[in-house]
Amino acid sequence: MNSKVLFYSCFLLIGIFISAVSQVMLKKAALKKYDSPIKEYLNPLVISAYGLFFFTTVLSILAYKGIPLSMGPILEATSYIYVTIFGVKIFGEKINKQKIIALLFIFAGIFVYSLLG
């Protein structure tokens, strides 16, 4: 992998991580009770999360200038790993056998692509 692809891959991975943080922010906002439906959508947490989603879209556009299209979905699969970790650490979710197997398949896919892709 040349340095240009590595540089732009980092852009995409940073964007994916920020996107996972945004998902956590939206879930935190969804768990709160609000006085009105408008306050559910027009509160700082939700607006910030959507702002971060916009920022990650810009990062993705920049990243695809330097990485092959076939590499994008492989790197984006790392979001499942981030979301699982955040779910366990922040929301106290439990990891069952099915989630572990699914994460192993994701790791295997990333590994196979990085060796053979």
PDB file of N, CA and C in Angstrom:
ATOM      1  N   MET A   1       0.857  -1.165   0.000  1.00  0.00           N
ATOM      2  CA  MET A   1       0.000   0.000   0.000  1.00  0.00           C
ATOM      3  C   MET A   1       0.909   1.236   0.000  1.00  0.00           C
ATOM      4  N   ASN A   2       0.678   2.121  -0.948  1.00  0.00           N
ATOM      5  CA  ASN A   2       1.531   3.299  -1.010  1.00  0.00           C
ATOM      6  C   ASN A   2       1.088   4.351   0.016  1.00  0.00           C
ATOM      7  N   SER A   3       1.909   5.354   0.206  1.00  0.00           N
ATOM      8  CA  SER A   3       1.660   6.332   1.267  1.00  0.00           C
ATOM      9  C   SER A   3       0.420   7.175   0.990  1.00  0.00           C
ATOM     10  N   LYS A   4       0.100   7.406  -0.277  1.00  0.00           N
ATOM     11  CA  LYS A   4      -1.096   8.188  -0.616  1.00  0.00           C
ATOM     12  C   LYS A   4      -2.360   7.451  -0.180  1.00  0.00           C
ATOM     13  N   VAL A   5      -2.428   6.168  -0.486  1.00  0.00           N
ATOM     14  CA  VAL A   5      -3.589   5.360  -0.108  1.00  0.00           C
ATOM     15  C   VAL A   5      -3.690   5.283   1.418  1.00  0.00           C
ATOM     16  N   LEU A   6      -2.560   5.113   2.072  1.00  0.00           N
ATOM     17  CA  LEU A   6      -2.562   5.053   3.537  1.00  0.00           C
ATOM     18  C   LEU A   6      -3.049   6.366   4.139  1.00  0.00           C
ATOM     19  N   PHE A   7      -2.594   7.477   3.603  1.00  0.00           N
ATOM     20  CA  PHE A   7      -3.014   8.798   4.087  1.00  0.00           C
ATOM     21  C   PHE A   7      -4.524   8.969   3.960  1.00  0.00           C
ATOM     22  N   TYR A   8      -5.064   8.668   2.786  1.00  0.00           N
ATOM     23  CA  TYR A   8      -6.499   8.832   2.573  1.00  0.00           C
ATOM     24  C   TYR A   8      -7.314   7.775   3.326  1.00  0.00           C
ATOM     25  N   SER A   9      -6.740   6.615   3.563  1.00  0.00           N
ATOM     26  CA  SER A   9      -7.420   5.598   4.382  1.00  0.00           C
ATOM     27  C   SER A   9      -7.601   6.102   5.810  1.00  0.00           C
ATOM     28  N   CYS A  10      -6.609   6.810   6.296  1.00  0.00           N
ATOM     29  CA  CYS A  10      -6.728   7.391   7.641  1.00  0.00           C
ATOM     30  C   CYS A  10      -7.859   8.407   7.699  1.00  0.00           C
ATOM     31  N   PHE A  11      -8.036   9.206   6.635  1.00  0.00           N
ATOM     32  CA  PHE A  11      -9.165  10.140   6.566  1.00  0.00           C
ATOM     33  C   PHE A  11     -10.480   9.389   6.728  1.00  0.00           C
ATOM     34  N   LEU A  12     -10.606   8.304   5.975  1.00  0.00           N
ATOM     35  CA  LEU A  12     -11.854   7.545   6.019  1.00  0.00           C
ATOM     36  C   LEU A  12     -12.060   6.907   7.391  1.00  0.00           C
ATOM     37  N   LEU A  13     -11.008   6.332   7.964  1.00  0.00           N
ATOM     38  CA  LEU A  13     -11.139   5.693   9.278  1.00  0.00           C
ATOM     39  C   LEU A  13     -11.479   6.699  10.366  1.00  0.00           C
ATOM     40  N   ILE A  14     -10.908   7.886  10.305  1.00  0.00           N
ATOM     41  CA  ILE A  14     -11.250   8.931  11.274  1.00  0.00           C
ATOM     42  C   ILE A  14     -12.714   9.319  11.113  1.00  0.00           C
ATOM     43  N   GLY A  15     -13.153   9.467   9.867  1.00  0.00           N
ATOM     44  CA  GLY A  15     -14.554   9.784   9.623  1.00  0.00           C
ATOM     45  C   GLY A  15     -15.493   8.705  10.125  1.00  0.00           C
ATOM     46  N   ILE A  16     -15.113   7.466   9.955  1.00  0.00           N
ATOM     47  CA  ILE A  16     -15.940   6.348  10.421  1.00  0.00           C
ATOM     48  C   ILE A  16     -16.026   6.353  11.948  1.00  0.00           C
ATOM     49  N   PHE A  17     -14.916   6.626  12.602  1.00  0.00           N
ATOM     50  CA  PHE A  17     -14.918   6.693  14.058  1.00  0.00           C
ATOM     51  C   PHE A  17     -15.814   7.839  14.540  1.00  0.00           C
ATOM     52  N   ILE A  18     -15.702   8.999  13.916  1.00  0.00           N
ATOM     53  CA  ILE A  18     -16.537  10.145  14.302  1.00  0.00           C
ATOM     54  C   ILE A  18     -18.006   9.830  14.052  1.00  0.00           C
ATOM     55  N   SER A  19     -18.287   9.119  12.990  1.00  0.00           N
ATOM     56  CA  SER A  19     -19.661   8.717  12.702  1.00  0.00           C
ATOM     57  C   SER A  19     -20.210   7.806  13.800  1.00  0.00           C
ATOM     58  N   ALA A  20     -19.371   6.901  14.296  1.00  0.00           N
ATOM     59  CA  ALA A  20     -19.799   6.026  15.398  1.00  0.00           C
ATOM     60  C   ALA A  20     -20.073   6.848  16.657  1.00  0.00           C
ATOM     61  N   VAL A  21     -19.253   7.856  16.904  1.00  0.00           N
ATOM     62  CA  VAL A  21     -19.493   8.749  18.047  1.00  0.00           C
ATOM     63  C   VAL A  21     -20.833   9.471  17.863  1.00  0.00           C
ATOM     64  N   SER A  22     -21.120   9.892  16.642  1.00  0.00           N
ATOM     65  CA  SER A  22     -22.392  10.561  16.353  1.00  0.00           C
ATOM     66  C   SER A  22     -23.583   9.644  16.622  1.00  0.00           C
ATOM     67  N   GLN A  23     -23.423   8.375  16.268  1.00  0.00           N
ATOM     68  CA  GLN A  23     -24.498   7.423  16.537  1.00  0.00           C
ATOM     69  C   GLN A  23     -24.753   7.280  18.035  1.00  0.00           C
ATOM     70  N   VAL A  24     -23.681   7.288  18.806  1.00  0.00           N
ATOM     71  CA  VAL A  24     -23.825   7.215  20.266  1.00  0.00           C
ATOM     72  C   VAL A  24     -24.550   8.458  20.782  1.00  0.00           C
ATOM     73  N   MET A  25     -24.188   9.615  20.240  1.00  0.00           N
ATOM     74  CA  MET A  25     -24.849  10.851  20.655  1.00  0.00           C
ATOM     75  C   MET A  25     -26.348  10.801  20.357  1.00  0.00           C
ATOM     76  N   LEU A  26     -26.712  10.296  19.194  1.00  0.00           N
ATOM     77  CA  LEU A  26     -28.130  10.195  18.846  1.00  0.00           C
ATOM     78  C   LEU A  26     -28.860   9.202  19.740  1.00  0.00           C
ATOM     79  N   LYS A  27     -28.185   8.100  20.084  1.00  0.00           N
ATOM     80  CA  LYS A  27     -28.825   7.125  20.967  1.00  0.00           C
ATOM     81  C   LYS A  27     -29.014   7.714  22.363  1.00  0.00           C
ATOM     82  N   LYS A  28     -28.014   8.454  22.846  1.00  0.00           N
ATOM     83  CA  LYS A  28     -28.145   9.121  24.149  1.00  0.00           C
ATOM     84  C   LYS A  28     -29.323  10.095  24.132  1.00  0.00           C
ATOM     85  N   ALA A  29     -29.457  10.847  23.044  1.00  0.00           N
ATOM     86  CA  ALA A  29     -30.561  11.799  22.931  1.00  0.00           C
ATOM     87  C   ALA A  29     -31.899  11.072  22.863  1.00  0.00           C
ATOM     88  N   ALA A  30     -31.932   9.921  22.204  1.00  0.00           N
ATOM     89  CA  ALA A  30     -33.183   9.172  22.074  1.00  0.00           C
ATOM     90  C   ALA A  30     -33.631   8.571  23.401  1.00  0.00           C
ATOM     91  N   LEU A  31     -32.703   8.338  24.307  1.00  0.00           N
ATOM     92  CA  LEU A  31     -33.051   7.756  25.610  1.00  0.00           C
ATOM     93  C   LEU A  31     -33.625   8.776  26.587  1.00  0.00           C
ATOM     94  N   LYS A  32     -33.486  10.066  26.269  1.00  0.00           N
ATOM     95  CA  LYS A  32     -34.014  11.113  27.137  1.00  0.00           C
ATOM     96  C   LYS A  32     -35.485  11.370  26.841  1.00  0.00           C
ATOM     97  N   LYS A  33     -36.195  11.864  27.841  1.00  0.00           N
ATOM     98  CA  LYS A  33     -37.594  12.261  27.676  1.00  0.00           C
ATOM     99  C   LYS A  33     -37.637  13.766  27.413  1.00  0.00           C
ATOM    100  N   TYR A  34     -38.476  14.164  26.464  1.00  0.00           N
ATOM    101  CA  TYR A  34     -38.588  15.567  26.088  1.00  0.00           C
ATOM    102  C   TYR A  34     -40.023  16.031  26.260  1.00  0.00           C
ATOM    103  N   ASP A  35     -40.178  17.347  26.476  1.00  0.00           N
ATOM    104  CA  ASP A  35     -41.501  17.933  26.672  1.00  0.00           C
ATOM    105  C   ASP A  35     -42.332  17.946  25.393  1.00  0.00           C
ATOM    106  N   SER A  36     -41.665  18.084  24.259  1.00  0.00           N
ATOM    107  CA  SER A  36     -42.385  18.168  22.990  1.00  0.00           C
ATOM    108  C   SER A  36     -41.580  17.467  21.898  1.00  0.00           C
ATOM    109  N   PRO A  37     -42.263  17.077  20.824  1.00  0.00           N
ATOM    110  CA  PRO A  37     -41.554  16.434  19.710  1.00  0.00           C
ATOM    111  C   PRO A  37     -40.493  17.338  19.078  1.00  0.00           C
ATOM    112  N   ILE A  38     -40.726  18.631  19.077  1.00  0.00           N
ATOM    113  CA  ILE A  38     -39.747  19.570  18.497  1.00  0.00           C
ATOM    114  C   ILE A  38     -38.450  19.520  19.292  1.00  0.00           C
ATOM    115  N   LYS A  39     -38.537  19.430  20.606  1.00  0.00           N
ATOM    116  CA  LYS A  39     -37.336  19.391  21.450  1.00  0.00           C
ATOM    117  C   LYS A  39     -36.554  18.090  21.265  1.00  0.00           C
ATOM    118  N   GLU A  40     -37.230  17.061  20.772  1.00  0.00           N
ATOM    119  CA  GLU A  40     -36.520  15.807  20.492  1.00  0.00           C
ATOM    120  C   GLU A  40     -35.502  15.993  19.378  1.00  0.00           C
ATOM    121  N   TYR A  41     -35.836  16.851  18.426  1.00  0.00           N
ATOM    122  CA  TYR A  41     -34.967  17.035  17.264  1.00  0.00           C
ATOM    123  C   TYR A  41     -34.145  18.319  17.317  1.00  0.00           C
ATOM    124  N   LEU A  42     -34.620  19.309  18.028  1.00  0.00           N
ATOM    125  CA  LEU A  42     -33.911  20.583  18.113  1.00  0.00           C
ATOM    126  C   LEU A  42     -33.286  20.753  19.490  1.00  0.00           C
ATOM    127  N   ASN A  43     -32.356  19.882  19.789  1.00  0.00           N
ATOM    128  CA  ASN A  43     -31.586  20.022  21.022  1.00  0.00           C
ATOM    129  C   ASN A  43     -30.107  19.930  20.651  1.00  0.00           C
ATOM    130  N   PRO A  44     -29.237  20.445  21.505  1.00  0.00           N
ATOM    131  CA  PRO A  44     -27.814  20.514  21.147  1.00  0.00           C
ATOM    132  C   PRO A  44     -27.176  19.162  20.801  1.00  0.00           C
ATOM    133  N   LEU A  45     -27.575  18.115  21.490  1.00  0.00           N
ATOM    134  CA  LEU A  45     -26.976  16.801  21.241  1.00  0.00           C
ATOM    135  C   LEU A  45     -27.298  16.297  19.834  1.00  0.00           C
ATOM    136  N   VAL A  46     -28.553  16.402  19.449  1.00  0.00           N
ATOM    137  CA  VAL A  46     -28.976  15.924  18.125  1.00  0.00           C
ATOM    138  C   VAL A  46     -28.377  16.799  17.020  1.00  0.00           C
ATOM    139  N   ILE A  47     -28.427  18.097  17.206  1.00  0.00           N
ATOM    140  CA  ILE A  47     -27.884  19.002  16.189  1.00  0.00           C
ATOM    141  C   ILE A  47     -26.376  18.776  16.034  1.00  0.00           C
ATOM    142  N   SER A  48     -25.677  18.589  17.135  1.00  0.00           N
ATOM    143  CA  SER A  48     -24.233  18.320  17.069  1.00  0.00           C
ATOM    144  C   SER A  48     -23.948  17.003  16.362  1.00  0.00           C
ATOM    145  N   ALA A  49     -24.741  15.985  16.655  1.00  0.00           N
ATOM    146  CA  ALA A  49     -24.544  14.678  16.019  1.00  0.00           C
ATOM    147  C   ALA A  49     -24.725  14.782  14.508  1.00  0.00           C
ATOM    148  N   TYR A  50     -25.759  15.482  14.083  1.00  0.00           N
ATOM    149  CA  TYR A  50     -25.968  15.629  12.639  1.00  0.00           C
ATOM    150  C   TYR A  50     -24.883  16.503  12.007  1.00  0.00           C
ATOM    151  N   GLY A  51     -24.369  17.469  12.744  1.00  0.00           N
ATOM    152  CA  GLY A  51     -23.237  18.252  12.260  1.00  0.00           C
ATOM    153  C   GLY A  51     -22.011  17.377  12.053  1.00  0.00           C
ATOM    154  N   LEU A  52     -21.780  16.467  12.994  1.00  0.00           N
ATOM    155  CA  LEU A  52     -20.664  15.536  12.849  1.00  0.00           C
ATOM    156  C   LEU A  52     -20.867  14.590  11.672  1.00  0.00           C
ATOM    157  N   PHE A  53     -22.116  14.170  11.449  1.00  0.00           N
ATOM    158  CA  PHE A  53     -22.398  13.327  10.281  1.00  0.00           C
ATOM    159  C   PHE A  53     -22.065  14.060   8.986  1.00  0.00           C
ATOM    160  N   PHE A  54     -22.389  15.350   8.929  1.00  0.00           N
ATOM    161  CA  PHE A  54     -22.043  16.149   7.752  1.00  0.00           C
ATOM    162  C   PHE A  54     -20.526  16.197   7.576  1.00  0.00           C
ATOM    163  N   PHE A  55     -19.812  16.414   8.674  1.00  0.00           N
ATOM    164  CA  PHE A  55     -18.353  16.470   8.634  1.00  0.00           C
ATOM    165  C   PHE A  55     -17.768  15.140   8.147  1.00  0.00           C
ATOM    166  N   THR A  56     -18.335  14.022   8.598  1.00  0.00           N
ATOM    167  CA  THR A  56     -17.820  12.722   8.161  1.00  0.00           C
ATOM    168  C   THR A  56     -18.095  12.478   6.683  1.00  0.00           C
ATOM    169  N   THR A  57     -19.182  13.047   6.173  1.00  0.00           N
ATOM    170  CA  THR A  57     -19.453  12.951   4.738  1.00  0.00           C
ATOM    171  C   THR A  57     -18.364  13.669   3.947  1.00  0.00           C
ATOM    172  N   VAL A  58     -17.960  14.835   4.421  1.00  0.00           N
ATOM    173  CA  VAL A  58     -16.876  15.574   3.761  1.00  0.00           C
ATOM    174  C   VAL A  58     -15.580  14.767   3.817  1.00  0.00           C
ATOM    175  N   LEU A  59     -15.289  14.164   4.982  1.00  0.00           N
ATOM    176  CA  LEU A  59     -14.090  13.337   5.093  1.00  0.00           C
ATOM    177  C   LEU A  59     -14.141  12.154   4.129  1.00  0.00           C
ATOM    178  N   SER A  60     -15.308  11.542   3.971  1.00  0.00           N
ATOM    179  CA  SER A  60     -15.441  10.416   3.045  1.00  0.00           C
ATOM    180  C   SER A  60     -15.186  10.845   1.609  1.00  0.00           C
ATOM    181  N   ILE A  61     -15.722  11.999   1.240  1.00  0.00           N
ATOM    182  CA  ILE A  61     -15.504  12.503  -0.116  1.00  0.00           C
ATOM    183  C   ILE A  61     -14.018  12.732  -0.361  1.00  0.00           C
ATOM    184  N   LEU A  62     -13.349  13.329   0.617  1.00  0.00           N
ATOM    185  CA  LEU A  62     -11.911  13.546   0.495  1.00  0.00           C
ATOM    186  C   LEU A  62     -11.150  12.223   0.425  1.00  0.00           C
ATOM    187  N   ALA A  63     -11.561  11.269   1.238  1.00  0.00           N
ATOM    188  CA  ALA A  63     -10.865   9.979   1.290  1.00  0.00           C
ATOM    189  C   ALA A  63     -10.952   9.243  -0.035  1.00  0.00           C
ATOM    190  N   TYR A  64     -12.116   9.299  -0.684  1.00  0.00           N
ATOM    191  CA  TYR A  64     -12.285   8.568  -1.937  1.00  0.00           C
ATOM    192  C   TYR A  64     -11.499   9.183  -3.091  1.00  0.00           C
ATOM    193  N   LYS A  65     -10.869  10.334  -2.857  1.00  0.00           N
ATOM    194  CA  LYS A  65      -9.978  10.893  -3.873  1.00  0.00           C
ATOM    195  C   LYS A  65      -8.680  10.092  -3.955  1.00  0.00           C
ATOM    196  N   GLY A  66      -8.345   9.381  -2.878  1.00  0.00           N
ATOM    197  CA  GLY A  66      -7.062   8.700  -2.845  1.00  0.00           C
ATOM    198  C   GLY A  66      -7.088   7.212  -2.582  1.00  0.00           C
ATOM    199  N   ILE A  67      -8.275   6.655  -2.359  1.00  0.00           N
ATOM    200  CA  ILE A  67      -8.345   5.207  -2.140  1.00  0.00           C
ATOM    201  C   ILE A  67      -9.219   4.573  -3.215  1.00  0.00           C
ATOM    202  N   PRO A  68      -8.977   3.313  -3.520  1.00  0.00           N
ATOM    203  CA  PRO A  68      -9.840   2.619  -4.493  1.00  0.00           C
ATOM    204  C   PRO A  68     -11.261   2.445  -3.942  1.00  0.00           C
ATOM    205  N   LEU A  69     -12.234   2.492  -4.814  1.00  0.00           N
ATOM    206  CA  LEU A  69     -13.627   2.320  -4.387  1.00  0.00           C
ATOM    207  C   LEU A  69     -13.840   0.989  -3.685  1.00  0.00           C
ATOM    208  N   SER A  70     -13.125  -0.028  -4.089  1.00  0.00           N
ATOM    209  CA  SER A  70     -13.300  -1.350  -3.487  1.00  0.00           C
ATOM    210  C   SER A  70     -12.821  -1.384  -2.034  1.00  0.00           C
ATOM    211  N   MET A  71     -11.978  -0.453  -1.650  1.00  0.00           N
ATOM    212  CA  MET A  71     -11.459  -0.442  -0.284  1.00  0.00           C
ATOM    213  C   MET A  71     -12.424   0.230   0.699  1.00  0.00           C
ATOM    214  N   GLY A  72     -13.267   1.116   0.215  1.00  0.00           N
ATOM    215  CA  GLY A  72     -14.170   1.871   1.081  1.00  0.00           C
ATOM    216  C   GLY A  72     -15.063   1.008   1.964  1.00  0.00           C
ATOM    217  N   PRO A  73     -15.822   0.092   1.379  1.00  0.00           N
ATOM    218  CA  PRO A  73     -16.697  -0.732   2.219  1.00  0.00           C
ATOM    219  C   PRO A  73     -15.943  -1.572   3.253  1.00  0.00           C
ATOM    220  N   ILE A  74     -14.730  -1.977   2.915  1.00  0.00           N
ATOM    221  CA  ILE A  74     -13.935  -2.759   3.859  1.00  0.00           C
ATOM    222  C   ILE A  74     -13.592  -1.901   5.073  1.00  0.00           C
ATOM    223  N   LEU A  75     -13.152  -0.684   4.820  1.00  0.00           N
ATOM    224  CA  LEU A  75     -12.819   0.206   5.933  1.00  0.00           C
ATOM    225  C   LEU A  75     -14.066   0.630   6.704  1.00  0.00           C
ATOM    226  N   GLU A  76     -15.166   0.811   5.998  1.00  0.00           N
ATOM    227  CA  GLU A  76     -16.406   1.208   6.666  1.00  0.00           C
ATOM    228  C   GLU A  76     -16.953   0.101   7.566  1.00  0.00           C
ATOM    229  N   ALA A  77     -16.561  -1.132   7.318  1.00  0.00           N
ATOM    230  CA  ALA A  77     -16.992  -2.245   8.175  1.00  0.00           C
ATOM    231  C   ALA A  77     -16.428  -2.108   9.585  1.00  0.00           C
ATOM    232  N   THR A  78     -15.370  -1.313   9.746  1.00  0.00           N
ATOM    233  CA  THR A  78     -14.824  -1.109  11.090  1.00  0.00           C
ATOM    234  C   THR A  78     -15.819  -0.388  12.002  1.00  0.00           C
ATOM    235  N   SER A  79     -16.816   0.263  11.422  1.00  0.00           N
ATOM    236  CA  SER A  79     -17.810   0.962  12.251  1.00  0.00           C
ATOM    237  C   SER A  79     -18.548  -0.012  13.169  1.00  0.00           C
ATOM    238  N   TYR A  80     -18.752  -1.248  12.715  1.00  0.00           N
ATOM    239  CA  TYR A  80     -19.424  -2.238  13.558  1.00  0.00           C
ATOM    240  C   TYR A  80     -18.599  -2.533  14.805  1.00  0.00           C
ATOM    241  N   ILE A  81     -17.299  -2.490  14.656  1.00  0.00           N
ATOM    242  CA  ILE A  81     -16.420  -2.731  15.797  1.00  0.00           C
ATOM    243  C   ILE A  81     -16.531  -1.582  16.790  1.00  0.00           C
ATOM    244  N   TYR A  82     -16.460  -0.332  16.275  1.00  0.00           N
ATOM    245  CA  TYR A  82     -16.572   0.833  17.151  1.00  0.00           C
ATOM    246  C   TYR A  82     -17.918   0.856  17.877  1.00  0.00           C
ATOM    247  N   VAL A  83     -18.981   0.611  17.135  1.00  0.00           N
ATOM    248  CA  VAL A  83     -20.317   0.674  17.727  1.00  0.00           C
ATOM    249  C   VAL A  83     -20.484  -0.403  18.802  1.00  0.00           C
ATOM    250  N   THR A  84     -19.922  -1.578  18.562  1.00  0.00           N
ATOM    251  CA  THR A  84     -19.997  -2.642  19.571  1.00  0.00           C
ATOM    252  C   THR A  84     -19.243  -2.245  20.838  1.00  0.00           C
ATOM    253  N   ILE A  85     -18.054  -1.704  20.668  1.00  0.00           N
ATOM    254  CA  ILE A  85     -17.267  -1.277  21.830  1.00  0.00           C
ATOM    255  C   ILE A  85     -17.996  -0.178  22.600  1.00  0.00           C
ATOM    256  N   PHE A  86     -18.523   0.821  21.874  1.00  0.00           N
ATOM    257  CA  PHE A  86     -19.267   1.896  22.539  1.00  0.00           C
ATOM    258  C   PHE A  86     -20.510   1.359  23.237  1.00  0.00           C
ATOM    259  N   GLY A  87     -21.198   0.416  22.602  1.00  0.00           N
ATOM    260  CA  GLY A  87     -22.395  -0.157  23.207  1.00  0.00           C
ATOM    261  C   GLY A  87     -22.096  -0.830  24.531  1.00  0.00           C
ATOM    262  N   VAL A  88     -20.987  -1.541  24.591  1.00  0.00           N
ATOM    263  CA  VAL A  88     -20.606  -2.230  25.824  1.00  0.00           C
ATOM    264  C   VAL A  88     -20.153  -1.227  26.891  1.00  0.00           C
ATOM    265  N   LYS A  89     -19.271  -0.307  26.497  1.00  0.00           N
ATOM    266  CA  LYS A  89     -18.676   0.627  27.470  1.00  0.00           C
ATOM    267  C   LYS A  89     -19.634   1.714  27.934  1.00  0.00           C
ATOM    268  N   ILE A  90     -20.442   2.249  27.030  1.00  0.00           N
ATOM    269  CA  ILE A  90     -21.286   3.392  27.381  1.00  0.00           C
ATOM    270  C   ILE A  90     -22.689   2.973  27.810  1.00  0.00           C
ATOM    271  N   PHE A  91     -23.266   2.006  27.102  1.00  0.00           N
ATOM    272  CA  PHE A  91     -24.651   1.633  27.374  1.00  0.00           C
ATOM    273  C   PHE A  91     -24.794   0.330  28.153  1.00  0.00           C
ATOM    274  N   GLY A  92     -23.686  -0.318  28.464  1.00  0.00           N
ATOM    275  CA  GLY A  92     -23.737  -1.547  29.243  1.00  0.00           C
ATOM    276  C   GLY A  92     -24.373  -2.718  28.509  1.00  0.00           C
ATOM    277  N   GLU A  93     -24.311  -2.708  27.198  1.00  0.00           N
ATOM    278  CA  GLU A  93     -24.886  -3.805  26.428  1.00  0.00           C
ATOM    279  C   GLU A  93     -24.030  -5.055  26.591  1.00  0.00           C
ATOM    280  N   LYS A  94     -24.651  -6.181  26.442  1.00  0.00           N
ATOM    281  CA  LYS A  94     -23.950  -7.462  26.563  1.00  0.00           C
ATOM    282  C   LYS A  94     -23.561  -7.975  25.190  1.00  0.00           C
ATOM    283  N   ILE A  95     -22.396  -8.603  25.123  1.00  0.00           N
ATOM    284  CA  ILE A  95     -21.962  -9.234  23.872  1.00  0.00           C
ATOM    285  C   ILE A  95     -22.297 -10.717  23.961  1.00  0.00           C
ATOM    286  N   ASN A  96     -23.111 -11.173  23.013  1.00  0.00           N
ATOM    287  CA  ASN A  96     -23.456 -12.595  23.000  1.00  0.00           C
ATOM    288  C   ASN A  96     -22.608 -13.321  21.950  1.00  0.00           C
ATOM    289  N   LYS A  97     -22.825 -14.603  21.847  1.00  0.00           N
ATOM    290  CA  LYS A  97     -22.038 -15.447  20.942  1.00  0.00           C
ATOM    291  C   LYS A  97     -22.218 -15.018  19.483  1.00  0.00           C
ATOM    292  N   GLN A  98     -23.430 -14.642  19.097  1.00  0.00           N
ATOM    293  CA  GLN A  98     -23.682 -14.223  17.720  1.00  0.00           C
ATOM    294  C   GLN A  98     -22.903 -12.952  17.371  1.00  0.00           C
ATOM    295  N   LYS A  99     -22.838 -12.003  18.295  1.00  0.00           N
ATOM    296  CA  LYS A  99     -22.097 -10.766  18.038  1.00  0.00           C
ATOM    297  C   LYS A  99     -20.607 -11.044  17.912  1.00  0.00           C
ATOM    298  N   ILE A 100     -20.103 -11.940  18.735  1.00  0.00           N
ATOM    299  CA  ILE A 100     -18.680 -12.287  18.658  1.00  0.00           C
ATOM    300  C   ILE A 100     -18.365 -12.930  17.307  1.00  0.00           C
ATOM    301  N   ILE A 101     -19.222 -13.848  16.875  1.00  0.00           N
ATOM    302  CA  ILE A 101     -19.012 -14.506  15.575  1.00  0.00           C
ATOM    303  C   ILE A 101     -19.081 -13.474  14.447  1.00  0.00           C
ATOM    304  N   ALA A 102     -20.042 -12.567  14.519  1.00  0.00           N
ATOM    305  CA  ALA A 102     -20.164 -11.534  13.491  1.00  0.00           C
ATOM    306  C   ALA A 102     -18.921 -10.647  13.453  1.00  0.00           C
ATOM    307  N   LEU A 103     -18.421 -10.256  14.617  1.00  0.00           N
ATOM    308  CA  LEU A 103     -17.212  -9.432  14.662  1.00  0.00           C
ATOM    309  C   LEU A 103     -16.001 -10.190  14.126  1.00  0.00           C
ATOM    310  N   LEU A 104     -15.927 -11.492  14.397  1.00  0.00           N
ATOM    311  CA  LEU A 104     -14.835 -12.291  13.853  1.00  0.00           C
ATOM    312  C   LEU A 104     -14.883 -12.349  12.326  1.00  0.00           C
ATOM    313  N   PHE A 105     -16.107 -12.435  11.770  1.00  0.00           N
ATOM    314  CA  PHE A 105     -16.244 -12.409  10.310  1.00  0.00           C
ATOM    315  C   PHE A 105     -15.799 -11.052   9.745  1.00  0.00           C
ATOM    316  N   ILE A 106     -16.127  -9.986  10.442  1.00  0.00           N
ATOM    317  CA  ILE A 106     -15.704  -8.658   9.994  1.00  0.00           C
ATOM    318  C   ILE A 106     -14.187  -8.560  10.011  1.00  0.00           C
ATOM    319  N   PHE A 107     -13.569  -8.977  11.125  1.00  0.00           N
ATOM    320  CA  PHE A 107     -12.103  -8.974  11.203  1.00  0.00           C
ATOM    321  C   PHE A 107     -11.490  -9.834  10.101  1.00  0.00           C
ATOM    322  N   ALA A 108     -12.074 -10.997   9.870  1.00  0.00           N
ATOM    323  CA  ALA A 108     -11.551 -11.901   8.837  1.00  0.00           C
ATOM    324  C   ALA A 108     -11.657 -11.257   7.457  1.00  0.00           C
ATOM    325  N   GLY A 109     -12.767 -10.605   7.178  1.00  0.00           N
ATOM    326  CA  GLY A 109     -12.933  -9.941   5.888  1.00  0.00           C
ATOM    327  C   GLY A 109     -11.923  -8.828   5.679  1.00  0.00           C
ATOM    328  N   ILE A 110     -11.707  -8.039   6.714  1.00  0.00           N
ATOM    329  CA  ILE A 110     -10.714  -6.963   6.626  1.00  0.00           C
ATOM    330  C   ILE A 110      -9.327  -7.558   6.420  1.00  0.00           C
ATOM    331  N   PHE A 111      -9.020  -8.617   7.148  1.00  0.00           N
ATOM    332  CA  PHE A 111      -7.710  -9.265   7.045  1.00  0.00           C
ATOM    333  C   PHE A 111      -7.497  -9.856   5.653  1.00  0.00           C
ATOM    334  N   VAL A 112      -8.493 -10.567   5.145  1.00  0.00           N
ATOM    335  CA  VAL A 112      -8.369 -11.188   3.820  1.00  0.00           C
ATOM    336  C   VAL A 112      -8.194 -10.109   2.752  1.00  0.00           C
ATOM    337  N   TYR A 113      -8.982  -9.038   2.846  1.00  0.00           N
ATOM    338  CA  TYR A 113      -8.854  -7.976   1.855  1.00  0.00           C
ATOM    339  C   TYR A 113      -7.478  -7.322   1.912  1.00  0.00           C
ATOM    340  N   SER A 114      -6.977  -7.112   3.119  1.00  0.00           N
ATOM    341  CA  SER A 114      -5.674  -6.452   3.239  1.00  0.00           C
ATOM    342  C   SER A 114      -4.536  -7.340   2.721  1.00  0.00           C
ATOM    343  N   LEU A 115      -4.704  -8.650   2.792  1.00  0.00           N
ATOM    344  CA  LEU A 115      -3.667  -9.548   2.265  1.00  0.00           C
ATOM    345  C   LEU A 115      -3.813  -9.799   0.766  1.00  0.00           C
ATOM    346  N   LEU A 116      -5.045  -9.979   0.309  1.00  0.00           N
ATOM    347  CA  LEU A 116      -5.264 -10.376  -1.084  1.00  0.00           C
ATOM    348  C   LEU A 116      -5.798  -9.246  -1.962  1.00  0.00           C
ATOM    349  N   GLY A 117      -6.319  -8.195  -1.323  1.00  0.00           N
ATOM    350  CA  GLY A 117      -6.967  -7.112  -2.080  1.00  0.00           C
ATOM    351  C   GLY A 117      -6.005  -6.281  -2.786  1.00  0.00           C
TER     352      GLY A 117
END
